[in-house]
Amino acid sequence: MNTFDERISSAVKNWWVSLLLGLLYILIAICLMFTPMASYVALSILFSVAMFVSGTLEILFAVSNRKHISSWGWYLAGGIIDLILGIYLMASPGLSMTVLPFILAFWLMFRGFSSTGYAMDLKRFGTGNWGWYMAFGILAIICSIAIIWQPGLGVFTLVYMIAYALLIIGIFRVMLSFELRSLHKKNEKE
């Protein structure tokens, strides 16, 4: 019979996936901040590739932890949504530029809700900093609502709103990876 500690140890064996996703989101956010006008044109391509990679890695994480994390289905759903969006956007970049604000807003909203779910998982594992993770999820939801509310703010504003939202999600994923790594190392020592 598996103990709680054994389940935590094996459940966080792929903590580095969250780190890679976080670094990818942060890198994209920085690129958007430094070249806002050119970024809107390239945004559909960057976002397409990021969604494809994100979906693939998220599916990998979900499948490898399906026996150990009770909410693995949410990870899988997020990965499938990212993968489908990535493929769709890569197939039609012209159309994606037209609807990009809405696609991004709904994607960020889903990611924000997912992040709050991850925060609750961390709370169940006894992590003391789960509130910070919840705050990042709520900030992502607020950014997504702002994009939906005012998509006509202009390309410049949209690029910065997207950059900030991606930065928030990226920081969350990096922090989550270190928390998962810490749980993994703690349980390896025991």
Protein backbone atom coordinates (compact mmCIF):
# COMPACT_ATOMS: atom_id res chain seq x y z
CA MET A 1 0.00 0.00 0.00
CA ASN A 2 1.40 3.41 -0.99
CA THR A 3 1.84 5.96 1.72
CA PHE A 4 1.09 9.63 1.18
CA ASP A 5 4.80 10.45 1.03
CA GLU A 6 5.44 7.81 -1.62
CA ARG A 7 2.64 9.23 -3.76
CA ILE A 8 4.04 12.78 -3.47
CA SER A 9 7.53 11.61 -4.36
CA SER A 10 6.44 9.84 -7.51
CA ALA A 11 3.84 12.46 -8.42
CA VAL A 12 6.41 15.22 -8.74
CA LYS A 13 9.04 13.27 -10.66
CA ASN A 14 8.56 15.53 -13.71
CA TRP A 15 8.75 18.86 -11.87
CA TRP A 16 11.04 20.21 -14.61
CA VAL A 17 8.14 20.27 -17.10
CA SER A 18 6.59 23.13 -15.16
CA LEU A 19 9.97 24.92 -15.15
CA LEU A 20 10.32 24.61 -18.94
CA LEU A 21 6.79 25.91 -19.49
CA GLY A 22 7.37 28.83 -17.14
CA LEU A 23 10.64 29.80 -18.82
CA LEU A 24 8.98 29.56 -22.25
CA TYR A 25 6.17 31.90 -21.17
CA ILE A 26 8.62 34.37 -19.58
CA LEU A 27 10.79 34.38 -22.71
CA ILE A 28 7.80 35.10 -24.93
CA ALA A 29 6.63 37.87 -22.56
CA ILE A 30 10.05 39.58 -22.68
CA CYS A 31 10.12 39.39 -26.49
CA LEU A 32 6.67 41.00 -26.64
CA MET A 33 7.67 43.84 -24.28
CA PHE A 34 10.75 44.88 -26.25
CA THR A 35 9.21 44.79 -29.75
CA PRO A 36 5.49 45.53 -29.38
CA MET A 37 4.64 46.66 -32.92
CA ALA A 38 6.56 43.95 -34.74
CA SER A 39 5.43 41.44 -32.14
CA TYR A 40 1.79 41.56 -33.10
CA VAL A 41 2.60 40.28 -36.57
CA ALA A 42 4.88 37.58 -35.18
CA LEU A 43 2.62 36.90 -32.20
CA SER A 44 0.44 34.39 -34.00
CA ILE A 45 3.50 32.36 -35.01
CA LEU A 46 5.14 32.56 -31.58
CA PHE A 47 1.91 31.79 -29.83
CA SER A 48 1.19 28.88 -32.18
CA VAL A 49 4.54 27.26 -31.48
CA ALA A 50 4.27 27.97 -27.73
CA MET A 51 0.80 26.40 -27.58
CA PHE A 52 1.97 23.34 -29.51
CA VAL A 53 5.01 22.82 -27.23
CA SER A 54 3.00 23.62 -24.10
CA GLY A 55 0.29 21.16 -25.05
CA THR A 56 2.77 18.41 -25.78
CA LEU A 57 4.62 18.88 -22.48
CA GLU A 58 1.41 19.20 -20.46
CA ILE A 59 0.04 15.97 -21.95
CA LEU A 60 3.35 14.24 -21.14
CA PHE A 61 3.14 15.46 -17.53
CA ALA A 62 -0.51 14.40 -17.15
CA VAL A 63 -0.04 10.94 -18.62
CA SER A 64 3.10 10.23 -16.59
CA ASN A 65 1.37 11.25 -13.34
CA ARG A 66 -2.14 9.87 -13.94
CA LYS A 67 -1.80 7.29 -11.18
CA HIS A 68 -0.46 9.70 -8.59
CA ILE A 69 -2.20 13.07 -9.00
CA SER A 70 -5.96 13.06 -8.54
CA SER A 71 -6.42 16.14 -10.75
CA TRP A 72 -4.33 14.79 -13.63
CA GLY A 73 -7.35 15.16 -15.91
CA TRP A 74 -7.13 18.94 -15.65
CA TYR A 75 -3.50 18.82 -16.72
CA LEU A 76 -4.49 16.57 -19.62
CA ALA A 77 -7.39 18.82 -20.64
CA GLY A 78 -5.12 21.87 -20.58
CA GLY A 79 -2.54 20.05 -22.69
CA ILE A 80 -5.11 18.93 -25.26
CA ILE A 81 -6.55 22.46 -25.52
CA ASP A 82 -3.05 23.93 -25.97
CA LEU A 83 -2.13 21.33 -28.59
CA ILE A 84 -5.33 21.88 -30.62
CA LEU A 85 -4.94 25.69 -30.44
CA GLY A 86 -1.29 25.43 -31.50
CA ILE A 87 -2.11 23.31 -34.53
CA TYR A 88 -5.04 25.55 -35.51
CA LEU A 89 -3.00 28.74 -35.24
CA MET A 90 -0.06 27.29 -37.17
CA ALA A 91 -2.43 26.25 -39.98
CA SER A 92 -4.03 29.69 -40.42
CA PRO A 93 -1.82 32.58 -39.25
CA GLY A 94 -3.81 35.28 -41.10
CA LEU A 95 -7.06 34.33 -39.45
CA SER A 96 -5.36 33.89 -36.11
CA MET A 97 -4.21 37.53 -36.16
CA THR A 98 -7.86 38.60 -36.44
CA VAL A 99 -9.14 36.47 -33.60
CA LEU A 100 -5.91 36.35 -31.59
CA PRO A 101 -7.08 38.65 -28.78
CA PHE A 102 -10.08 36.41 -28.06
CA ILE A 103 -8.18 33.14 -28.39
CA LEU A 104 -5.51 34.43 -26.03
CA ALA A 105 -8.05 35.78 -23.57
CA PHE A 106 -9.92 32.49 -23.30
CA TRP A 107 -6.66 30.54 -23.15
CA LEU A 108 -5.40 32.81 -20.34
CA MET A 109 -8.71 32.46 -18.54
CA PHE A 110 -8.50 28.65 -18.69
CA ARG A 111 -4.86 28.80 -17.54
CA GLY A 112 -5.85 31.12 -14.69
CA PHE A 113 -8.53 28.72 -13.49
CA SER A 114 -6.11 25.81 -13.90
CA SER A 115 -3.55 27.69 -11.82
CA THR A 116 -6.04 28.14 -9.00
CA GLY A 117 -6.70 24.39 -9.14
CA TYR A 118 -2.96 23.69 -8.98
CA ALA A 119 -2.77 26.00 -5.95
CA MET A 120 -5.43 23.91 -4.22
CA ASP A 121 -3.39 20.76 -5.02
CA LEU A 122 -0.37 22.38 -3.39
CA LYS A 123 -2.47 23.29 -0.35
CA ARG A 124 -3.51 19.62 -0.02
CA PHE A 125 0.19 18.63 -0.17
CA GLY A 126 0.86 21.00 2.72
CA THR A 127 2.75 23.72 0.84
CA GLY A 128 2.79 26.94 2.83
CA ASN A 129 3.04 29.29 -0.17
CA TRP A 130 -0.04 28.05 -2.00
CA GLY A 131 -1.68 31.48 -1.64
CA TRP A 132 0.89 33.05 -3.96
CA TYR A 133 0.07 30.50 -6.63
CA MET A 134 -3.62 31.25 -6.18
CA ALA A 135 -2.89 34.98 -6.57
CA PHE A 136 -1.06 34.38 -9.87
CA GLY A 137 -4.03 32.38 -11.15
CA ILE A 138 -6.44 35.16 -10.19
CA LEU A 139 -4.21 37.78 -11.87
CA ALA A 140 -4.23 35.73 -15.09
CA ILE A 141 -8.05 35.58 -14.95
CA ILE A 142 -8.23 39.36 -14.47
CA CYS A 143 -5.90 39.94 -17.45
CA SER A 144 -8.03 37.65 -19.61
CA ILE A 145 -11.22 39.50 -18.67
CA ALA A 146 -9.55 42.84 -19.51
CA ILE A 147 -8.59 41.53 -22.97
CA ILE A 148 -12.14 40.28 -23.62
CA TRP A 149 -13.67 43.50 -22.31
CA GLN A 150 -11.56 45.83 -24.49
CA PRO A 151 -10.11 43.98 -27.52
CA GLY A 152 -10.10 47.24 -29.50
CA LEU A 153 -7.58 48.97 -27.23
CA GLY A 154 -5.10 48.63 -30.02
CA VAL A 155 -2.26 46.38 -30.94
CA PHE A 156 0.22 48.15 -28.67
CA THR A 157 -1.91 47.79 -25.53
CA LEU A 158 -2.93 44.26 -26.42
CA VAL A 159 0.67 43.15 -26.84
CA TYR A 160 1.58 44.53 -23.41
CA MET A 161 -1.48 43.02 -21.73
CA ILE A 162 -0.62 39.66 -23.26
CA ALA A 163 3.03 40.06 -22.25
CA TYR A 164 2.10 40.80 -18.64
CA ALA A 165 -0.35 37.91 -18.50
CA LEU A 166 2.22 35.50 -19.96
CA LEU A 167 4.79 36.83 -17.50
CA ILE A 168 2.41 36.14 -14.61
CA ILE A 169 1.72 32.58 -15.83
CA GLY A 170 5.45 32.05 -16.48
CA ILE A 171 6.44 33.15 -12.99
CA PHE A 172 3.72 30.93 -11.55
CA ARG A 173 5.00 27.89 -13.47
CA VAL A 174 8.62 28.52 -12.43
CA MET A 175 7.61 28.91 -8.78
CA LEU A 176 5.46 25.79 -9.04
CA SER A 177 8.37 23.78 -10.45
CA PHE A 178 10.63 24.71 -7.53
CA GLU A 179 7.88 23.86 -5.06
CA LEU A 180 7.37 20.47 -6.72
CA ARG A 181 11.14 19.90 -6.79
CA SER A 182 11.34 20.73 -3.09
CA LEU A 183 8.58 18.23 -2.31
CA HIS A 184 10.36 15.62 -4.42
CA LYS A 185 13.73 16.15 -2.69
CA LYS A 186 12.11 16.17 0.74
CA ASN A 187 10.55 12.81 0.10
CA GLU A 188 13.75 11.34 -1.40
CA LYS A 189 15.60 12.08 1.85
CA GLU A 190 13.00 10.29 3.96
